[in-house]
Amino acid sequence: MTRKSKSPVDMSTLFKTTSGTLAQISQKTNSIKKIAHIVRQICPDLPEDAFNIANFVQTTLIVEVKSPVWGQRLQFERNTILREI
């Protein structure tokens, strides 16, 4: 019985495809990074580790904050953030 020789698959081609699980994860990660960048531009006084964009599902954006104080600060800027997104 002969062995099937398989050449290794380049991972970048898996991420660049438009279908598949890895492509969907990559697209969602890029979207989350863009949203986090927009929030950082709107609230430049927030420390880097004060919040984290956790996920977005349909029309819901899930933001994790380090303390209730930063959560309240983001609540004040909610309309501005929604307008920019």
N, C-alpha and C. Protein backbone atom coordinates (compact mmCIF):
# COMPACT_ATOMS: atom_id res chain seq x y z
N MET A 1 0.84 -1.17 0.00
CA MET A 1 0.00 0.00 0.00
C MET A 1 0.89 1.24 0.00
N THR A 2 0.65 2.12 -0.92
CA THR A 2 1.48 3.32 -1.02
C THR A 2 0.91 4.44 -0.15
N ARG A 3 1.79 5.25 0.30
CA ARG A 3 1.40 6.40 1.12
C ARG A 3 0.97 7.55 0.24
N LYS A 4 -0.02 8.26 0.68
CA LYS A 4 -0.43 9.46 -0.02
C LYS A 4 0.42 10.61 0.47
N SER A 5 1.07 11.24 -0.45
CA SER A 5 1.88 12.39 -0.04
C SER A 5 1.02 13.64 -0.08
N LYS A 6 1.03 14.35 1.01
CA LYS A 6 0.28 15.59 1.11
C LYS A 6 1.25 16.73 1.33
N SER A 7 1.11 17.73 0.53
CA SER A 7 1.93 18.91 0.78
C SER A 7 1.23 19.75 1.83
N PRO A 8 1.98 20.43 2.67
CA PRO A 8 1.37 21.22 3.73
C PRO A 8 0.53 22.36 3.15
N VAL A 9 -0.54 22.69 3.86
CA VAL A 9 -1.43 23.76 3.43
C VAL A 9 -1.00 25.05 4.13
N ASP A 10 -0.87 26.09 3.35
CA ASP A 10 -0.50 27.38 3.90
C ASP A 10 -1.68 27.95 4.68
N MET A 11 -1.47 28.30 5.95
CA MET A 11 -2.55 28.79 6.80
C MET A 11 -3.14 30.10 6.30
N SER A 12 -2.33 30.93 5.65
CA SER A 12 -2.85 32.21 5.18
C SER A 12 -3.93 32.02 4.12
N THR A 13 -3.84 30.94 3.35
CA THR A 13 -4.89 30.70 2.36
C THR A 13 -6.20 30.29 3.03
N LEU A 14 -6.11 29.62 4.18
CA LEU A 14 -7.32 29.26 4.91
C LEU A 14 -8.02 30.49 5.48
N PHE A 15 -7.24 31.48 5.92
CA PHE A 15 -7.83 32.70 6.46
C PHE A 15 -8.38 33.60 5.37
N LYS A 16 -7.80 33.54 4.18
CA LYS A 16 -8.22 34.42 3.10
C LYS A 16 -9.45 33.92 2.35
N THR A 17 -9.79 32.67 2.53
CA THR A 17 -10.98 32.17 1.85
C THR A 17 -12.22 32.83 2.42
N THR A 18 -13.27 32.88 1.64
CA THR A 18 -14.48 33.58 2.09
C THR A 18 -15.46 32.65 2.79
N SER A 19 -15.19 31.37 2.79
CA SER A 19 -16.08 30.44 3.48
C SER A 19 -15.26 29.58 4.42
N GLY A 20 -15.93 28.95 5.33
CA GLY A 20 -15.25 28.08 6.28
C GLY A 20 -15.19 28.71 7.65
N THR A 21 -14.93 27.88 8.63
CA THR A 21 -14.94 28.32 10.01
C THR A 21 -13.81 29.30 10.31
N LEU A 22 -12.60 29.02 9.85
CA LEU A 22 -11.48 29.90 10.12
C LEU A 22 -11.68 31.27 9.49
N ALA A 23 -12.25 31.31 8.30
CA ALA A 23 -12.51 32.58 7.63
C ALA A 23 -13.54 33.40 8.40
N GLN A 24 -14.57 32.74 8.92
CA GLN A 24 -15.59 33.44 9.70
C GLN A 24 -15.01 33.98 11.00
N ILE A 25 -14.19 33.20 11.66
CA ILE A 25 -13.55 33.64 12.90
C ILE A 25 -12.64 34.83 12.62
N SER A 26 -11.90 34.76 11.54
CA SER A 26 -11.00 35.85 11.18
C SER A 26 -11.76 37.13 10.88
N GLN A 27 -12.87 37.03 10.15
CA GLN A 27 -13.67 38.21 9.83
C GLN A 27 -14.27 38.82 11.09
N LYS A 28 -14.76 37.99 11.98
CA LYS A 28 -15.37 38.49 13.21
C LYS A 28 -14.31 39.14 14.10
N THR A 29 -13.13 38.56 14.17
CA THR A 29 -12.05 39.13 14.96
C THR A 29 -11.64 40.49 14.41
N ASN A 30 -11.55 40.60 13.10
CA ASN A 30 -11.21 41.88 12.49
C ASN A 30 -12.28 42.92 12.77
N SER A 31 -13.53 42.52 12.72
CA SER A 31 -14.62 43.45 13.02
C SER A 31 -14.56 43.93 14.46
N ILE A 32 -14.28 43.03 15.38
CA ILE A 32 -14.18 43.39 16.80
C ILE A 32 -13.03 44.36 17.02
N LYS A 33 -11.91 44.14 16.33
CA LYS A 33 -10.77 45.06 16.44
C LYS A 33 -11.12 46.44 15.92
N LYS A 34 -11.87 46.51 14.82
CA LYS A 34 -12.28 47.81 14.27
C LYS A 34 -13.20 48.55 15.23
N ILE A 35 -14.13 47.82 15.84
CA ILE A 35 -15.05 48.43 16.80
C ILE A 35 -14.28 48.93 18.01
N ALA A 36 -13.32 48.16 18.50
CA ALA A 36 -12.52 48.58 19.65
C ALA A 36 -11.72 49.83 19.31
N HIS A 37 -11.23 49.91 18.08
CA HIS A 37 -10.48 51.09 17.65
C HIS A 37 -11.38 52.33 17.63
N ILE A 38 -12.60 52.17 17.16
CA ILE A 38 -13.55 53.29 17.14
C ILE A 38 -13.85 53.76 18.55
N VAL A 39 -14.05 52.83 19.47
CA VAL A 39 -14.35 53.19 20.86
C VAL A 39 -13.16 53.90 21.48
N ARG A 40 -11.95 53.45 21.18
CA ARG A 40 -10.75 54.10 21.72
C ARG A 40 -10.60 55.52 21.18
N GLN A 41 -11.01 55.77 19.93
CA GLN A 41 -10.94 57.12 19.37
C GLN A 41 -11.97 58.03 20.03
N ILE A 42 -13.14 57.49 20.33
CA ILE A 42 -14.20 58.30 20.94
C ILE A 42 -13.86 58.62 22.39
N CYS A 43 -13.29 57.67 23.11
CA CYS A 43 -12.94 57.85 24.52
C CYS A 43 -11.43 57.69 24.71
N PRO A 44 -10.65 58.70 24.30
CA PRO A 44 -9.19 58.54 24.41
C PRO A 44 -8.68 58.54 25.85
N ASP A 45 -9.51 58.99 26.80
CA ASP A 45 -9.07 59.03 28.19
C ASP A 45 -9.18 57.68 28.90
N LEU A 46 -9.82 56.70 28.25
CA LEU A 46 -9.92 55.36 28.85
C LEU A 46 -8.58 54.64 28.76
N PRO A 47 -8.15 53.99 29.83
CA PRO A 47 -6.93 53.18 29.75
C PRO A 47 -7.13 51.99 28.80
N GLU A 48 -6.05 51.48 28.28
CA GLU A 48 -6.10 50.36 27.32
C GLU A 48 -6.81 49.14 27.89
N ASP A 49 -6.60 48.87 29.16
CA ASP A 49 -7.16 47.65 29.74
C ASP A 49 -8.48 47.88 30.49
N ALA A 50 -9.10 49.04 30.32
CA ALA A 50 -10.35 49.34 31.04
C ALA A 50 -11.53 48.59 30.45
N PHE A 51 -11.50 48.32 29.16
CA PHE A 51 -12.62 47.62 28.55
C PHE A 51 -12.12 46.66 27.47
N ASN A 52 -13.00 45.74 27.10
CA ASN A 52 -12.69 44.77 26.06
C ASN A 52 -13.98 44.50 25.29
N ILE A 53 -13.93 44.59 23.97
CA ILE A 53 -15.08 44.24 23.17
C ILE A 53 -15.10 42.71 23.11
N ALA A 54 -16.09 42.11 23.75
CA ALA A 54 -16.12 40.65 23.88
C ALA A 54 -16.72 39.99 22.65
N ASN A 55 -17.85 40.53 22.17
CA ASN A 55 -18.55 39.86 21.08
C ASN A 55 -19.61 40.80 20.53
N PHE A 56 -20.11 40.46 19.37
CA PHE A 56 -21.31 41.11 18.87
C PHE A 56 -22.17 40.07 18.19
N VAL A 57 -23.46 40.14 18.46
CA VAL A 57 -24.41 39.20 17.90
C VAL A 57 -25.57 40.02 17.36
N GLN A 58 -25.78 39.96 16.07
CA GLN A 58 -26.82 40.71 15.37
C GLN A 58 -26.73 42.19 15.72
N THR A 59 -27.60 42.69 16.59
CA THR A 59 -27.58 44.11 16.92
C THR A 59 -27.10 44.38 18.34
N THR A 60 -26.48 43.41 18.98
CA THR A 60 -26.03 43.55 20.36
C THR A 60 -24.51 43.54 20.41
N LEU A 61 -23.94 44.54 21.06
CA LEU A 61 -22.50 44.62 21.27
C LEU A 61 -22.22 44.34 22.74
N ILE A 62 -21.36 43.37 23.00
CA ILE A 62 -21.04 42.97 24.37
C ILE A 62 -19.67 43.55 24.73
N VAL A 63 -19.67 44.41 25.74
CA VAL A 63 -18.45 45.07 26.17
C VAL A 63 -18.17 44.66 27.61
N GLU A 64 -16.96 44.16 27.85
CA GLU A 64 -16.54 43.82 29.21
C GLU A 64 -15.74 45.00 29.75
N VAL A 65 -16.04 45.41 30.97
CA VAL A 65 -15.30 46.50 31.60
C VAL A 65 -14.67 46.02 32.90
N LYS A 66 -13.61 46.72 33.30
CA LYS A 66 -12.89 46.33 34.50
C LYS A 66 -13.63 46.73 35.77
N SER A 67 -14.34 47.84 35.72
CA SER A 67 -15.06 48.29 36.91
C SER A 67 -16.35 49.00 36.48
N PRO A 68 -17.28 49.14 37.38
CA PRO A 68 -18.54 49.83 37.05
C PRO A 68 -18.33 51.28 36.64
N VAL A 69 -17.25 51.89 37.11
CA VAL A 69 -16.96 53.27 36.75
C VAL A 69 -16.73 53.39 35.25
N TRP A 70 -15.95 52.48 34.68
CA TRP A 70 -15.69 52.52 33.24
C TRP A 70 -16.94 52.14 32.46
N GLY A 71 -17.77 51.28 33.01
CA GLY A 71 -19.03 50.94 32.38
C GLY A 71 -19.95 52.15 32.28
N GLN A 72 -19.98 52.94 33.35
CA GLN A 72 -20.79 54.16 33.35
C GLN A 72 -20.24 55.16 32.35
N ARG A 73 -18.94 55.26 32.25
CA ARG A 73 -18.31 56.18 31.28
C ARG A 73 -18.69 55.80 29.86
N LEU A 74 -18.70 54.50 29.57
CA LEU A 74 -19.11 54.05 28.24
C LEU A 74 -20.61 54.26 28.02
N GLN A 75 -21.40 54.19 29.06
CA GLN A 75 -22.83 54.46 28.93
C GLN A 75 -23.06 55.91 28.49
N PHE A 76 -22.25 56.85 29.02
CA PHE A 76 -22.39 58.24 28.63
C PHE A 76 -22.07 58.44 27.15
N GLU A 77 -21.18 57.64 26.62
CA GLU A 77 -20.75 57.77 25.22
C GLU A 77 -21.49 56.80 24.29
N ARG A 78 -22.49 56.10 24.78
CA ARG A 78 -23.17 55.07 24.01
C ARG A 78 -23.72 55.59 22.69
N ASN A 79 -24.42 56.72 22.70
CA ASN A 79 -25.00 57.24 21.46
C ASN A 79 -23.94 57.64 20.45
N THR A 80 -22.85 58.21 20.91
CA THR A 80 -21.74 58.57 20.02
C THR A 80 -21.13 57.33 19.40
N ILE A 81 -20.93 56.29 20.20
CA ILE A 81 -20.35 55.04 19.71
C ILE A 81 -21.27 54.41 18.66
N LEU A 82 -22.57 54.37 18.95
CA LEU A 82 -23.52 53.79 18.00
C LEU A 82 -23.55 54.57 16.69
N ARG A 83 -23.47 55.88 16.78
CA ARG A 83 -23.45 56.71 15.58
C ARG A 83 -22.22 56.42 14.71
N GLU A 84 -21.08 56.24 15.35
CA GLU A 84 -19.84 55.99 14.61
C GLU A 84 -19.79 54.60 14.01
N ILE A 85 -20.38 53.65 14.69
CA ILE A 85 -20.38 52.27 14.18
C ILE A 85 -21.37 52.17 13.05
